C-alpha atoms as a PDB file:
ATOM      1  CA  MET A   1     -18.662  -2.174  -0.192  1.00  0.00           C
ATOM      2  CA  LYS A   2     -18.118   1.464  -0.750  1.00  0.00           C
ATOM      3  CA  ILE A   3     -15.588   2.986  -2.858  1.00  0.00           C
ATOM      4  CA  GLU A   4     -14.263   6.211  -3.253  1.00  0.00           C
ATOM      5  CA  GLU A   5     -11.421   7.675  -5.970  1.00  0.00           C
ATOM      6  CA  THR A   6      -8.527   9.371  -4.374  1.00  0.00           C
ATOM      7  CA  ALA A   7      -6.313  12.354  -5.521  1.00  0.00           C
ATOM      8  CA  ILE A   8      -3.987   9.737  -7.195  1.00  0.00           C
ATOM      9  CA  PRO A   9      -5.984   8.127 -10.453  1.00  0.00           C
ATOM     10  CA  GLY A  10      -6.704   5.017 -10.245  1.00  0.00           C
ATOM     11  CA  VAL A  11      -6.357   4.478  -6.356  1.00  0.00           C
ATOM     12  CA  ARG A  12      -9.762   3.563  -4.780  1.00  0.00           C
ATOM     13  CA  ARG A  13     -10.371   3.744  -0.703  1.00  0.00           C
ATOM     14  CA  ILE A  14     -12.389   0.913  -0.015  1.00  0.00           C
ATOM     15  CA  GLU A  15     -14.757   0.960   3.370  1.00  0.00           C
ATOM     16  CA  LEU A  16     -15.650  -2.437   3.841  1.00  0.00           C
ATOM     17  CA  GLU A  17     -19.221  -3.671   5.623  1.00  0.00           C
ATOM     18  CA  VAL A  18     -17.724  -4.943   9.246  1.00  0.00           C
ATOM     19  CA  GLN A  19     -20.297  -6.601  11.618  1.00  0.00           C
ATOM     20  CA  PRO A  20     -19.780  -7.079  15.126  1.00  0.00           C
ATOM     21  CA  HIS A  21     -20.945 -10.045  16.983  1.00  0.00           C
ATOM     22  CA  ASP A  22     -20.995 -10.801  20.101  1.00  0.00           C
ATOM     23  CA  ASP A  23     -17.617 -12.876  19.939  1.00  0.00           C
ATOM     24  CA  GLY A  24     -15.632 -10.680  17.809  1.00  0.00           C
ATOM     25  CA  TRP A  25     -16.807  -9.768  13.729  1.00  0.00           C
ATOM     26  CA  PHE A  26     -17.103 -10.798  10.196  1.00  0.00           C
ATOM     27  CA  LYS A  27     -15.761  -8.679   7.480  1.00  0.00           C
ATOM     28  CA  GLU A  28     -15.933  -9.681   3.805  1.00  0.00           C
ATOM     29  CA  ASN A  29     -12.870  -9.102   2.550  1.00  0.00           C
ATOM     30  CA  PHE A  30     -12.320 -10.626  -0.727  1.00  0.00           C
ATOM     31  CA  HIS A  31     -15.261 -10.733  -3.283  1.00  0.00           C
ATOM     32  CA  ARG A  32     -14.611 -12.419  -6.605  1.00  0.00           C
ATOM     33  CA  GLU A  33     -16.936 -10.186  -8.317  1.00  0.00           C
ATOM     34  CA  LYS A  34     -16.686  -7.023  -6.658  1.00  0.00           C
ATOM     35  CA  LEU A  35     -13.152  -6.486  -7.165  1.00  0.00           C
ATOM     36  CA  ALA A  36     -13.163  -7.855 -11.299  1.00  0.00           C
ATOM     37  CA  GLU A  37     -15.209  -4.754 -11.430  1.00  0.00           C
ATOM     38  CA  LEU A  38     -12.004  -2.298 -10.053  1.00  0.00           C
ATOM     39  CA  GLY A  39     -10.418  -4.610 -12.874  1.00  0.00           C
ATOM     40  CA  MET A  40      -8.476  -7.247 -10.758  1.00  0.00           C
ATOM     41  CA  GLU A  41      -8.456 -10.884 -10.942  1.00  0.00           C
ATOM     42  CA  VAL A  42      -6.908 -12.076  -8.281  1.00  0.00           C
ATOM     43  CA  VAL A  43      -4.004 -14.693  -8.070  1.00  0.00           C
ATOM     44  CA  GLN A  44      -2.682 -14.312  -5.225  1.00  0.00           C
ATOM     45  CA  HIS A  45      -3.112 -13.552  -1.684  1.00  0.00           C
ATOM     46  CA  ASN A  46      -0.481 -12.827   0.662  1.00  0.00           C
ATOM     47  CA  VAL A  47      -0.398 -12.089   4.576  1.00  0.00           C
ATOM     48  CA  ALA A  48       1.869 -10.829   6.675  1.00  0.00           C
ATOM     49  CA  TYR A  49       2.104  -9.988  10.162  1.00  0.00           C
ATOM     50  CA  PHE A  50       3.706  -7.661  12.335  1.00  0.00           C
ATOM     51  CA  GLU A  51       4.412  -8.038  16.191  1.00  0.00           C
ATOM     52  CA  ALA A  52       5.336  -4.174  16.885  1.00  0.00           C
ATOM     53  CA  ALA A  53       3.885  -0.628  16.527  1.00  0.00           C
ATOM     54  CA  GLY A  54       6.254   1.390  13.923  1.00  0.00           C
ATOM     55  CA  ILE A  55       6.925  -1.798  11.444  1.00  0.00           C
ATOM     56  CA  VAL A  56       7.570   0.187   8.310  1.00  0.00           C
ATOM     57  CA  ARG A  57       7.914  -1.326   4.780  1.00  0.00           C
ATOM     58  CA  GLY A  58       7.658   0.315   1.464  1.00  0.00           C
ATOM     59  CA  ILE A  59       8.018   2.161  -0.998  1.00  0.00           C
ATOM     60  CA  HIS A  60       7.423  -0.310  -3.691  1.00  0.00           C
ATOM     61  CA  ALA A  61       5.752  -0.399  -6.594  1.00  0.00           C
ATOM     62  CA  GLU A  62       5.143  -3.768  -8.578  1.00  0.00           C
ATOM     63  CA  PRO A  63       4.183  -4.739 -12.133  1.00  0.00           C
ATOM     64  CA  TRP A  64       0.705  -6.132 -10.318  1.00  0.00           C
ATOM     65  CA  ASP A  65      -2.408  -4.368  -9.409  1.00  0.00           C
ATOM     66  CA  LYS A  66      -2.728  -4.612  -5.079  1.00  0.00           C
ATOM     67  CA  TYR A  67      -5.730  -4.517  -2.409  1.00  0.00           C
ATOM     68  CA  LEU A  68      -4.569  -4.179   0.811  1.00  0.00           C
ATOM     69  CA  SER A  69      -6.267  -4.368   3.774  1.00  0.00           C
ATOM     70  CA  PRO A  70      -5.217  -5.395   7.343  1.00  0.00           C
ATOM     71  CA  SER A  71      -7.447  -8.075   9.457  1.00  0.00           C
ATOM     72  CA  SER A  72      -6.222  -6.841  12.724  1.00  0.00           C
ATOM     73  CA  GLY A  73      -4.305  -3.610  13.813  1.00  0.00           C
ATOM     74  CA  ARG A  74      -4.134  -0.893  11.956  1.00  0.00           C
ATOM     75  CA  VAL A  75      -1.692   0.845   9.427  1.00  0.00           C
ATOM     76  CA  PHE A  76      -0.359   4.388   8.093  1.00  0.00           C
ATOM     77  CA  ALA A  77       0.048   3.808   4.137  1.00  0.00           C
ATOM     78  CA  ALA A  78       1.699   6.180   2.279  1.00  0.00           C
ATOM     79  CA  ILE A  79       0.749   5.587  -1.413  1.00  0.00           C
ATOM     80  CA  VAL A  80       3.145   7.137  -3.867  1.00  0.00           C
ATOM     81  CA  ASP A  81       2.353   7.512  -7.550  1.00  0.00           C
ATOM     82  CA  LEU A  82       5.786   6.314  -9.201  1.00  0.00           C
ATOM     83  CA  ARG A  83       4.597   5.962 -13.263  1.00  0.00           C
ATOM     84  CA  SER A  84       5.454   8.292 -15.829  1.00  0.00           C
ATOM     85  CA  GLY A  85       3.192  11.388 -16.056  1.00  0.00           C
ATOM     86  CA  ASP A  86       2.825  14.502 -14.771  1.00  0.00           C
ATOM     87  CA  GLY A  87       1.671  12.314 -11.406  1.00  0.00           C
ATOM     88  CA  PHE A  88       4.713  11.413 -10.674  1.00  0.00           C
ATOM     89  CA  GLY A  89       5.739  11.878  -6.851  1.00  0.00           C
ATOM     90  CA  GLN A  90       2.421  12.783  -5.654  1.00  0.00           C
ATOM     91  CA  VAL A  91       1.470  11.106  -2.281  1.00  0.00           C
ATOM     92  CA  GLU A  92      -1.503  10.494  -0.607  1.00  0.00           C
ATOM     93  CA  THR A  93      -1.846   9.012   2.908  1.00  0.00           C
ATOM     94  CA  PHE A  94      -4.337   6.630   4.853  1.00  0.00           C
ATOM     95  CA  GLU A  95      -4.992   5.194   7.965  1.00  0.00           C
ATOM     96  CA  LEU A  96      -6.075   1.934   8.066  1.00  0.00           C
ATOM     97  CA  GLY A  97      -8.145  -0.412  10.397  1.00  0.00           C
ATOM     98  CA  THR A  98     -10.101  -3.433   9.336  1.00  0.00           C
ATOM     99  CA  SER A  99     -12.971  -1.647   7.730  1.00  0.00           C
ATOM    100  CA  ASP A 100     -10.845  -0.549   5.087  1.00  0.00           C
ATOM    101  CA  ALA A 101      -8.968  -1.293   2.208  1.00  0.00           C
ATOM    102  CA  LEU A 102      -6.807   0.285  -0.291  1.00  0.00           C
ATOM    103  CA  TYR A 103      -6.823  -0.904  -4.476  1.00  0.00           C
ATOM    104  CA  VAL A 104      -3.678   0.323  -5.746  1.00  0.00           C
ATOM    105  CA  PRO A 105      -2.980  -0.310  -9.487  1.00  0.00           C
ATOM    106  CA  ARG A 106       0.272  -1.417 -10.665  1.00  0.00           C
ATOM    107  CA  GLY A 107       2.965   1.194 -11.056  1.00  0.00           C
ATOM    108  CA  VAL A 108       2.108   3.278  -8.097  1.00  0.00           C
ATOM    109  CA  GLY A 109       4.142   2.713  -4.635  1.00  0.00           C
ATOM    110  CA  ASN A 110       2.788   1.818  -1.653  1.00  0.00           C
ATOM    111  CA  SER A 111       3.924   1.423   1.674  1.00  0.00           C
ATOM    112  CA  PHE A 112       3.019   1.425   5.472  1.00  0.00           C
ATOM    113  CA  CYS A 113       3.916   1.841   9.117  1.00  0.00           C
ATOM    114  CA  THR A 114       1.724  -0.408  11.520  1.00  0.00           C
ATOM    115  CA  LEU A 115       0.509   1.670  14.273  1.00  0.00           C
ATOM    116  CA  THR A 116      -0.712  -0.976  16.311  1.00  0.00           C
ATOM    117  CA  PRO A 117       0.992  -4.217  17.973  1.00  0.00           C
ATOM    118  CA  HIS A 118      -0.405  -7.753  16.074  1.00  0.00           C
ATOM    119  CA  THR A 119      -1.072  -6.200  13.428  1.00  0.00           C
ATOM    120  CA  THR A 120      -2.092  -8.837  10.639  1.00  0.00           C
ATOM    121  CA  TYR A 121      -1.961  -7.112   6.786  1.00  0.00           C
ATOM    122  CA  HIS A 122      -2.926  -8.975   4.082  1.00  0.00           C
ATOM    123  CA  PHE A 123      -2.077  -8.061   0.227  1.00  0.00           C
ATOM    124  CA  LEU A 124      -4.273  -9.311  -2.463  1.00  0.00           C
ATOM    125  CA  VAL A 125      -2.576  -9.275  -6.220  1.00  0.00           C
ATOM    126  CA  ASN A 126      -3.496 -10.111  -9.491  1.00  0.00           C
ATOM    127  CA  GLU A 127       0.208 -11.293 -10.880  1.00  0.00           C
ATOM    128  CA  HIS A 128       2.178 -13.933  -8.891  1.00  0.00           C
ATOM    129  CA  TRP A 129       5.423 -12.183  -7.169  1.00  0.00           C
ATOM    130  CA  THR A 130       8.288 -11.405  -8.836  1.00  0.00           C
ATOM    131  CA  PRO A 131      10.902  -9.344  -7.610  1.00  0.00           C
ATOM    132  CA  GLU A 132      10.286  -6.602 -10.577  1.00  0.00           C
ATOM    133  CA  ARG A 133       9.570  -3.056  -8.957  1.00  0.00           C
ATOM    134  CA  VAL A 134      10.524   0.323  -8.648  1.00  0.00           C
ATOM    135  CA  ALA A 135      11.192   1.547  -5.161  1.00  0.00           C
ATOM    136  CA  VAL A 136      11.650   5.536  -3.945  1.00  0.00           C
ATOM    137  CA  ASP A 137      13.614   6.271  -0.139  1.00  0.00           C
ATOM    138  CA  LEU A 138      10.795   6.204   2.727  1.00  0.00           C
ATOM    139  CA  PHE A 139      12.284   9.557   3.999  1.00  0.00           C
ATOM    140  CA  ASP A 140      12.839  11.340   0.773  1.00  0.00           C
ATOM    141  CA  PRO A 141      12.215  15.101   1.665  1.00  0.00           C
ATOM    142  CA  GLU A 142      10.845  15.534  -1.435  1.00  0.00           C
ATOM    143  CA  LEU A 143       8.080  12.887  -1.170  1.00  0.00           C
ATOM    144  CA  ALA A 144       7.482  14.755   3.011  1.00  0.00           C
ATOM    145  CA  ILE A 145       5.939  11.548   4.234  1.00  0.00           C
ATOM    146  CA  ALA A 146       5.165  12.935   7.571  1.00  0.00           C
ATOM    147  CA  TRP A 147       5.324   9.250   9.351  1.00  0.00           C
ATOM    148  CA  PRO A 148       3.408   8.909  12.743  1.00  0.00           C
ATOM    149  CA  LEU A 149       5.351   7.339  15.119  1.00  0.00           C
ATOM    150  CA  GLU A 150       8.912   8.263  15.743  1.00  0.00           C
ATOM    151  CA  GLN A 151      10.543   4.707  16.506  1.00  0.00           C
ATOM    152  CA  LEU A 152      10.775   3.504  12.752  1.00  0.00           C
ATOM    153  CA  GLU A 153      11.900  -0.054  12.283  1.00  0.00           C
ATOM    154  CA  TYR A 154      12.711  -0.954   8.933  1.00  0.00           C
ATOM    155  CA  THR A 155      14.868  -2.667   6.478  1.00  0.00           C
ATOM    156  CA  GLU A 156      18.313  -1.752   5.144  1.00  0.00           C
ATOM    157  CA  ARG A 157      16.788  -2.738   1.772  1.00  0.00           C
ATOM    158  CA  ASP A 158      14.184   0.302   1.935  1.00  0.00           C
ATOM    159  CA  ALA A 159      16.553   2.326   3.481  1.00  0.00           C
ATOM    160  CA  GLY A 160      18.714   2.118   1.037  1.00  0.00           C
ATOM    161  CA  ASN A 161      16.277   2.929  -1.932  1.00  0.00           C
ATOM    162  CA  PRO A 162      17.050   5.948  -4.198  1.00  0.00           C
ATOM    163  CA  SER A 163      14.945   8.779  -3.808  1.00  0.00           C
ATOM    164  CA  LEU A 164      12.566  10.265  -6.133  1.00  0.00           C
ATOM    165  CA  ALA A 165      15.229  12.762  -8.216  1.00  0.00           C
ATOM    166  CA  GLU A 166      17.238   9.725  -8.526  1.00  0.00           C
ATOM    167  CA  LEU A 167      14.752   7.754 -10.565  1.00  0.00           C
ATOM    168  CA  ARG A 168      14.050  10.958 -12.236  1.00  0.00           C
ATOM    169  CA  ARG A 169      17.444  10.620 -13.468  1.00  0.00           C
ATOM    170  CA  LEU A 170      17.725   7.382 -14.299  1.00  0.00           C
ATOM    171  CA  ARG A 171      14.221   7.628 -16.306  1.00  0.00           C
ATOM    172  CA  ARG A 172      15.618  10.569 -18.087  1.00  0.00           C
ATOM    173  CA  GLN A 173      18.768   8.047 -19.099  1.00  0.00           C
ATOM    174  CA  ARG A 174      16.857   5.075 -20.340  1.00  0.00           C
ATOM    175  CA  ALA A 175      14.914   7.839 -22.967  1.00  0.00           C
END
């Protein structure tokens, strides 16, 4: 496992060792002690499968840490810092294949776009699922995310997420 820091504090890009063999490949995707060193104790493992390229999900920041990695296909991941502070709204993007993973701490929004058909994406989390989350518009001009495909498919719920400016306004009202 090769771990590198990213521009967003706490987000780490992880290069996994993929061992090819005659009939495919093998990778150690989850190792409790290695993830514990990142500060993550996994309690749930979710798997999502997507048939087509161009499926977009997010931008969601949940109250748990996430460890994300595709086991087939490729994804374009857009990560947005939605925590209070100077980094609020900072964006960083990554292309992830089967030898890549991202560690995304709680409060940081994650989203992705499938780049290939038949993509399988794994999400390990350190808290059980709840509906609580902060979400922001995938296409907010302030974020200026350059989605890599022209034809995108996304949910109505994700299309209706507030802008970054609206989130700022809501936070000021609560303070």
